[in-house]
Amino acid sequence: MKPRTSTWPLPSQDDWSTPFAEVLLEQLDLRPGLSILDIASGHGIPAFYLADQMGPTGSVTAIDANRAQVTSARLIQGEALPWLRFECLDMRALPAGFPMFERITGNLSVMFLRPDRFEAMRQLVDHLKPGGQLVLTFPSLGTFDSIWQRIDQEMSRYGLTIERERLAAHVAERPSAAEARGWLERLGLERIVAVERPLEVVSGDGAAFLQHPLLRGGFLDDAYECFDDLKLAEQVMTRVSLDLDRMRPLLAQRCAIGGWKPATG
């Protein structure tokens, strides 16, 4: 169904959550009146858009384990969209009696399903109604590979064996599209999709790279955590940051996985 014109569009100024949400919406089958669970809802991308599309005959329950983000989303909402509820809940441990939904969505969510992503996914599917659809997005294996390769080269130049092993473990921990598709197959979902769309991040070198709002949190921080010596970490990462031409383009892989729960059985 063609989306209605939204009074709560995806925010154009968000350079990270919105591009991932766009891939999610490409795969999601929407129509007014559906019940939706949106996990890892953050500040409400795409929960506000989903609620606007559902209209008052539908419902959206948006959950996040971060109380500050839930509070922020509620402040943005105010009295609007009363069929949208933001709740502080851990998507890996939903309470007894938690309802079932016709759609389950989660933008930039799969990384938060650790430590046992498959088990967390299984519990989510338990809350999906028969005939319902699940769609989740995440940055998949291959995201910012050029950065990891350059950091590894610099670690090698310094002879940092342990740090290189830690970095390799961080990178390998990121699931691939094929791995995520396998989870849905094991759960018995149908009409499974696993698509990837590249997203280029633009940055300057030096401090602009090391403090880039999309690169530092959750990405470059992983590299810093590989070091026990913080002074050494700064030396290595500064040298990496001044060699940006060898890392361009800085590409993230926007992955969306989705599938449908069988209508019977």
Protein backbone atom coordinates (compact mmCIF):
# COMPACT_ATOMS: atom_id res chain seq x y z
CA MET A 1 0.00 0.00 0.00
CA LYS A 2 1.28 3.47 -0.86
CA PRO A 3 2.20 5.41 2.33
CA ARG A 4 -0.02 8.32 3.28
CA THR A 5 1.44 11.82 3.34
CA SER A 6 2.96 12.04 6.81
CA THR A 7 2.82 14.92 9.27
CA TRP A 8 5.59 13.07 11.16
CA PRO A 9 8.12 12.32 8.39
CA LEU A 10 11.51 10.79 9.02
CA PRO A 11 13.79 13.70 10.07
CA SER A 12 15.94 14.78 7.14
CA GLN A 13 18.67 16.13 9.43
CA ASP A 14 19.41 12.69 10.93
CA ASP A 15 22.32 11.24 8.93
CA TRP A 16 22.28 7.79 10.55
CA SER A 17 18.92 6.61 11.91
CA THR A 18 16.88 7.99 9.02
CA PRO A 19 18.85 6.24 6.22
CA PHE A 20 18.50 2.93 8.06
CA ALA A 21 14.79 3.58 8.67
CA GLU A 22 14.31 4.19 4.95
CA VAL A 23 15.61 0.68 4.23
CA LEU A 24 13.31 -0.71 6.93
CA LEU A 25 10.28 0.99 5.38
CA GLU A 26 11.18 -0.38 1.94
CA GLN A 27 10.55 -3.88 3.29
CA LEU A 28 7.68 -3.20 5.69
CA ASP A 29 4.08 -3.81 4.63
CA LEU A 30 1.98 -1.06 6.22
CA ARG A 31 -1.70 -0.23 6.30
CA PRO A 32 -3.77 1.82 8.74
CA GLY A 33 -5.04 0.01 11.81
CA LEU A 34 -2.16 -2.40 12.45
CA SER A 35 -0.68 -3.09 15.87
CA ILE A 36 3.11 -2.54 15.82
CA LEU A 37 5.89 -3.20 18.31
CA ASP A 38 8.95 -1.03 17.62
CA ILE A 39 12.04 -2.20 19.51
CA ALA A 40 15.18 -0.16 20.28
CA SER A 41 12.99 2.84 19.56
CA GLY A 42 15.47 5.49 20.72
CA HIS A 43 14.18 9.01 20.10
CA GLY A 44 11.37 7.74 17.89
CA ILE A 45 12.81 6.99 14.43
CA PRO A 46 10.69 5.51 12.90
CA ALA A 47 8.06 5.14 15.68
CA PHE A 48 6.48 8.57 15.08
CA TYR A 49 6.25 7.93 11.34
CA LEU A 50 4.73 4.47 11.92
CA ALA A 51 2.13 5.80 14.34
CA ASP A 52 1.17 8.55 11.91
CA GLN A 53 0.69 5.95 9.18
CA MET A 54 -1.40 3.66 11.44
CA GLY A 55 -3.85 6.35 12.47
CA PRO A 56 -6.14 6.14 15.52
CA THR A 57 -7.43 2.69 14.57
CA GLY A 58 -3.95 1.25 14.99
CA SER A 59 -1.40 1.19 17.78
CA VAL A 60 2.37 1.48 18.13
CA THR A 61 4.22 0.37 21.24
CA ALA A 62 7.80 1.67 21.14
CA ILE A 63 10.24 0.20 23.66
CA ASP A 64 13.81 1.00 24.61
CA ALA A 65 15.98 0.01 27.58
CA ASN A 66 17.43 3.52 27.83
CA ARG A 67 15.18 5.54 30.13
CA ALA A 68 16.63 8.88 29.02
CA GLN A 69 15.77 8.16 25.39
CA VAL A 70 12.25 7.09 26.32
CA THR A 71 11.80 10.31 28.28
CA SER A 72 13.09 12.34 25.34
CA ALA A 73 10.69 10.62 22.93
CA ARG A 74 7.75 11.28 25.25
CA LEU A 75 8.65 14.96 25.41
CA ILE A 76 8.73 15.13 21.62
CA GLN A 77 5.36 13.38 21.45
CA GLY A 78 3.56 15.57 23.95
CA GLU A 79 -0.18 15.04 23.49
CA ALA A 80 0.10 13.98 19.85
CA LEU A 81 -0.57 10.51 18.47
CA PRO A 82 -2.25 9.07 21.60
CA TRP A 83 -2.19 5.57 20.06
CA LEU A 84 1.64 5.66 20.31
CA ARG A 85 3.19 4.59 23.64
CA PHE A 86 6.86 4.80 24.59
CA GLU A 87 7.87 2.32 27.30
CA CYS A 88 11.17 1.58 29.04
CA LEU A 89 11.55 -2.17 28.49
CA ASP A 90 14.35 -4.59 27.62
CA MET A 91 13.42 -6.22 24.30
CA ARG A 92 15.43 -9.31 25.32
CA ALA A 93 13.24 -9.93 28.39
CA LEU A 94 9.67 -8.84 27.74
CA PRO A 95 7.35 -9.24 30.74
CA ALA A 96 4.85 -12.04 31.17
CA GLY A 97 1.58 -11.22 29.49
CA PHE A 98 3.15 -8.84 27.01
CA PRO A 99 0.81 -8.71 23.97
CA MET A 100 1.28 -9.95 20.43
CA PHE A 101 1.55 -7.65 17.42
CA GLU A 102 0.86 -7.70 13.69
CA ARG A 103 4.21 -6.08 12.93
CA ILE A 104 7.49 -5.99 14.83
CA THR A 105 10.06 -3.43 13.71
CA GLY A 106 13.44 -2.40 14.99
CA ASN A 107 15.65 0.24 13.42
CA LEU A 108 19.35 -0.21 14.24
CA SER A 109 18.24 -2.92 16.65
CA VAL A 110 20.06 -6.20 16.03
CA MET A 111 23.27 -5.11 17.77
CA PHE A 112 21.29 -4.65 21.00
CA LEU A 113 20.04 -8.26 20.98
CA ARG A 114 23.37 -9.48 22.39
CA PRO A 115 24.62 -11.70 23.94
CA ASP A 116 22.40 -14.39 22.34
CA ARG A 117 20.88 -12.73 19.29
CA PHE A 118 19.09 -15.85 18.07
CA GLU A 119 17.38 -16.46 21.41
CA ALA A 120 16.37 -12.80 21.63
CA MET A 121 14.98 -13.03 18.09
CA ARG A 122 13.05 -16.16 19.01
CA GLN A 123 11.41 -14.37 21.91
CA LEU A 124 10.43 -11.49 19.65
CA VAL A 125 8.83 -13.86 17.14
CA ASP A 126 6.81 -15.32 20.04
CA HIS A 127 5.13 -11.90 20.23
CA LEU A 128 4.39 -11.77 16.50
CA LYS A 129 0.86 -12.75 15.54
CA PRO A 130 0.37 -15.50 12.94
CA GLY A 131 0.50 -13.84 9.53
CA GLY A 132 2.51 -10.94 10.98
CA GLN A 133 5.74 -9.43 9.66
CA LEU A 134 9.10 -8.78 11.34
CA VAL A 135 11.58 -6.22 9.89
CA LEU A 136 14.83 -5.21 11.61
CA THR A 137 17.81 -3.14 10.45
CA PHE A 138 21.43 -3.02 11.53
CA PRO A 139 24.91 -2.16 10.20
CA SER A 140 26.08 -5.54 8.91
CA LEU A 141 29.46 -7.18 8.48
CA GLY A 142 31.51 -5.07 6.05
CA THR A 143 30.53 -1.78 7.67
CA PHE A 144 33.56 0.55 7.64
CA ASP A 145 35.88 -2.26 6.54
CA SER A 146 38.38 0.28 5.20
CA ILE A 147 38.70 1.78 8.69
CA TRP A 148 39.25 -1.56 10.40
CA GLN A 149 41.85 -2.56 7.81
CA ARG A 150 43.78 0.68 8.26
CA ILE A 151 43.70 0.38 12.07
CA ASP A 152 44.91 -3.20 11.82
CA GLN A 153 47.78 -2.11 9.57
CA GLU A 154 48.84 0.52 12.08
CA MET A 155 48.59 -1.93 14.98
CA SER A 156 50.77 -4.32 12.98
CA ARG A 157 53.36 -1.57 12.42
CA TYR A 158 53.53 -1.16 16.20
CA GLY A 159 53.75 -4.94 16.73
CA LEU A 160 50.51 -5.04 18.74
CA THR A 161 49.46 -8.70 18.59
CA ILE A 162 46.91 -8.70 21.41
CA GLU A 163 45.29 -5.47 20.23
CA ARG A 164 44.97 -6.87 16.70
CA GLU A 165 43.29 -10.00 18.03
CA ARG A 166 40.82 -7.88 20.00
CA LEU A 167 40.07 -5.75 16.95
CA ALA A 168 39.47 -8.83 14.80
CA ALA A 169 37.06 -10.16 17.45
CA HIS A 170 35.12 -6.86 17.44
CA VAL A 171 34.79 -6.93 13.66
CA ALA A 172 33.82 -10.62 13.48
CA GLU A 173 31.13 -10.10 16.12
CA ARG A 174 29.13 -7.96 13.67
CA PRO A 175 26.59 -10.27 11.95
CA SER A 176 26.41 -10.64 8.20
CA ALA A 177 23.22 -10.45 6.18
CA ALA A 178 23.49 -14.19 5.49
CA GLU A 179 23.85 -15.00 9.20
CA ALA A 180 20.83 -12.89 10.11
CA ARG A 181 18.80 -14.47 7.33
CA GLY A 182 19.71 -17.85 8.81
CA TRP A 183 18.16 -16.89 12.14
CA LEU A 184 14.82 -16.19 10.46
CA GLU A 185 14.99 -19.44 8.53
CA ARG A 186 15.59 -21.39 11.75
CA LEU A 187 12.59 -19.64 13.30
CA GLY A 188 10.37 -20.85 10.49
CA LEU A 189 9.50 -17.47 9.00
CA GLU A 190 8.38 -17.24 5.38
CA ARG A 191 9.05 -14.82 2.51
CA ILE A 192 12.38 -13.94 4.12
CA VAL A 193 14.43 -11.02 2.81
CA ALA A 194 17.92 -9.83 3.68
CA VAL A 195 18.94 -6.73 1.73
CA GLU A 196 21.90 -4.40 2.03
CA ARG A 197 22.23 -0.79 0.93
CA PRO A 198 25.56 1.10 1.17
CA LEU A 199 25.71 4.38 3.07
CA GLU A 200 28.71 6.67 2.65
CA VAL A 201 29.77 8.73 5.65
CA VAL A 202 31.74 11.91 4.91
CA SER A 203 34.44 13.07 7.30
CA GLY A 204 37.46 15.30 7.54
CA ASP A 205 40.75 13.94 8.84
CA GLY A 206 42.42 14.27 12.22
CA ALA A 207 40.16 15.30 15.09
CA ALA A 208 37.16 15.57 12.75
CA PHE A 209 37.50 11.85 12.04
CA LEU A 210 38.22 10.76 15.61
CA GLN A 211 35.28 12.75 17.02
CA HIS A 212 32.85 12.20 14.14
CA PRO A 213 29.38 11.74 15.70
CA LEU A 214 28.56 8.76 13.48
CA LEU A 215 31.95 7.07 13.73
CA ARG A 216 33.05 7.50 17.33
CA GLY A 217 30.22 5.97 19.31
CA GLY A 218 29.94 2.25 18.65
CA PHE A 219 32.62 2.11 15.95
CA LEU A 220 35.88 3.91 16.71
CA ASP A 221 35.21 3.31 20.40
CA ASP A 222 35.52 -0.41 19.63
CA ALA A 223 39.07 0.21 18.41
CA TYR A 224 40.01 2.27 21.46
CA GLU A 225 38.73 -0.53 23.71
CA CYS A 226 41.31 -2.88 22.19
CA PHE A 227 44.09 -1.02 24.01
CA ASP A 228 45.12 -1.26 27.65
CA ASP A 229 47.49 1.72 27.18
CA LEU A 230 45.35 4.78 26.40
CA LYS A 231 48.38 6.87 25.42
CA LEU A 232 49.34 4.24 22.86
CA ALA A 233 45.75 4.14 21.63
CA GLU A 234 45.85 7.88 20.95
CA GLN A 235 49.13 7.55 19.04
CA VAL A 236 47.85 4.76 16.82
CA MET A 237 44.44 6.29 16.20
CA THR A 238 45.89 9.74 15.48
CA ARG A 239 48.16 8.26 12.79
CA VAL A 240 45.14 6.45 11.33
CA SER A 241 43.05 9.63 11.35
CA LEU A 242 45.66 11.50 9.29
CA ASP A 243 45.56 8.87 6.53
CA LEU A 244 41.93 9.30 5.52
CA ASP A 245 42.56 9.13 1.77
CA ARG A 246 43.47 5.44 2.12
CA MET A 247 40.15 4.74 3.87
CA ARG A 248 37.76 6.58 1.57
CA PRO A 249 34.96 5.93 0.88
CA LEU A 250 33.78 5.31 4.44
CA LEU A 251 30.96 2.86 3.76
CA ALA A 252 28.41 1.41 6.16
CA GLN A 253 26.20 -1.48 5.09
CA ARG A 254 22.55 -0.84 5.91
CA CYS A 255 21.04 -4.30 6.28
CA ALA A 256 17.33 -5.02 6.60
CA ILE A 257 16.13 -8.52 7.43
CA GLY A 258 12.48 -9.46 7.40
CA GLY A 259 10.04 -12.29 7.19
CA TRP A 260 6.45 -13.36 7.83
CA LYS A 261 5.18 -15.69 10.53
CA PRO A 262 3.10 -18.51 9.03
CA ALA A 263 -0.60 -17.78 9.28
CA THR A 264 -1.27 -21.23 10.74
CA GLY A 265 0.71 -23.77 12.71
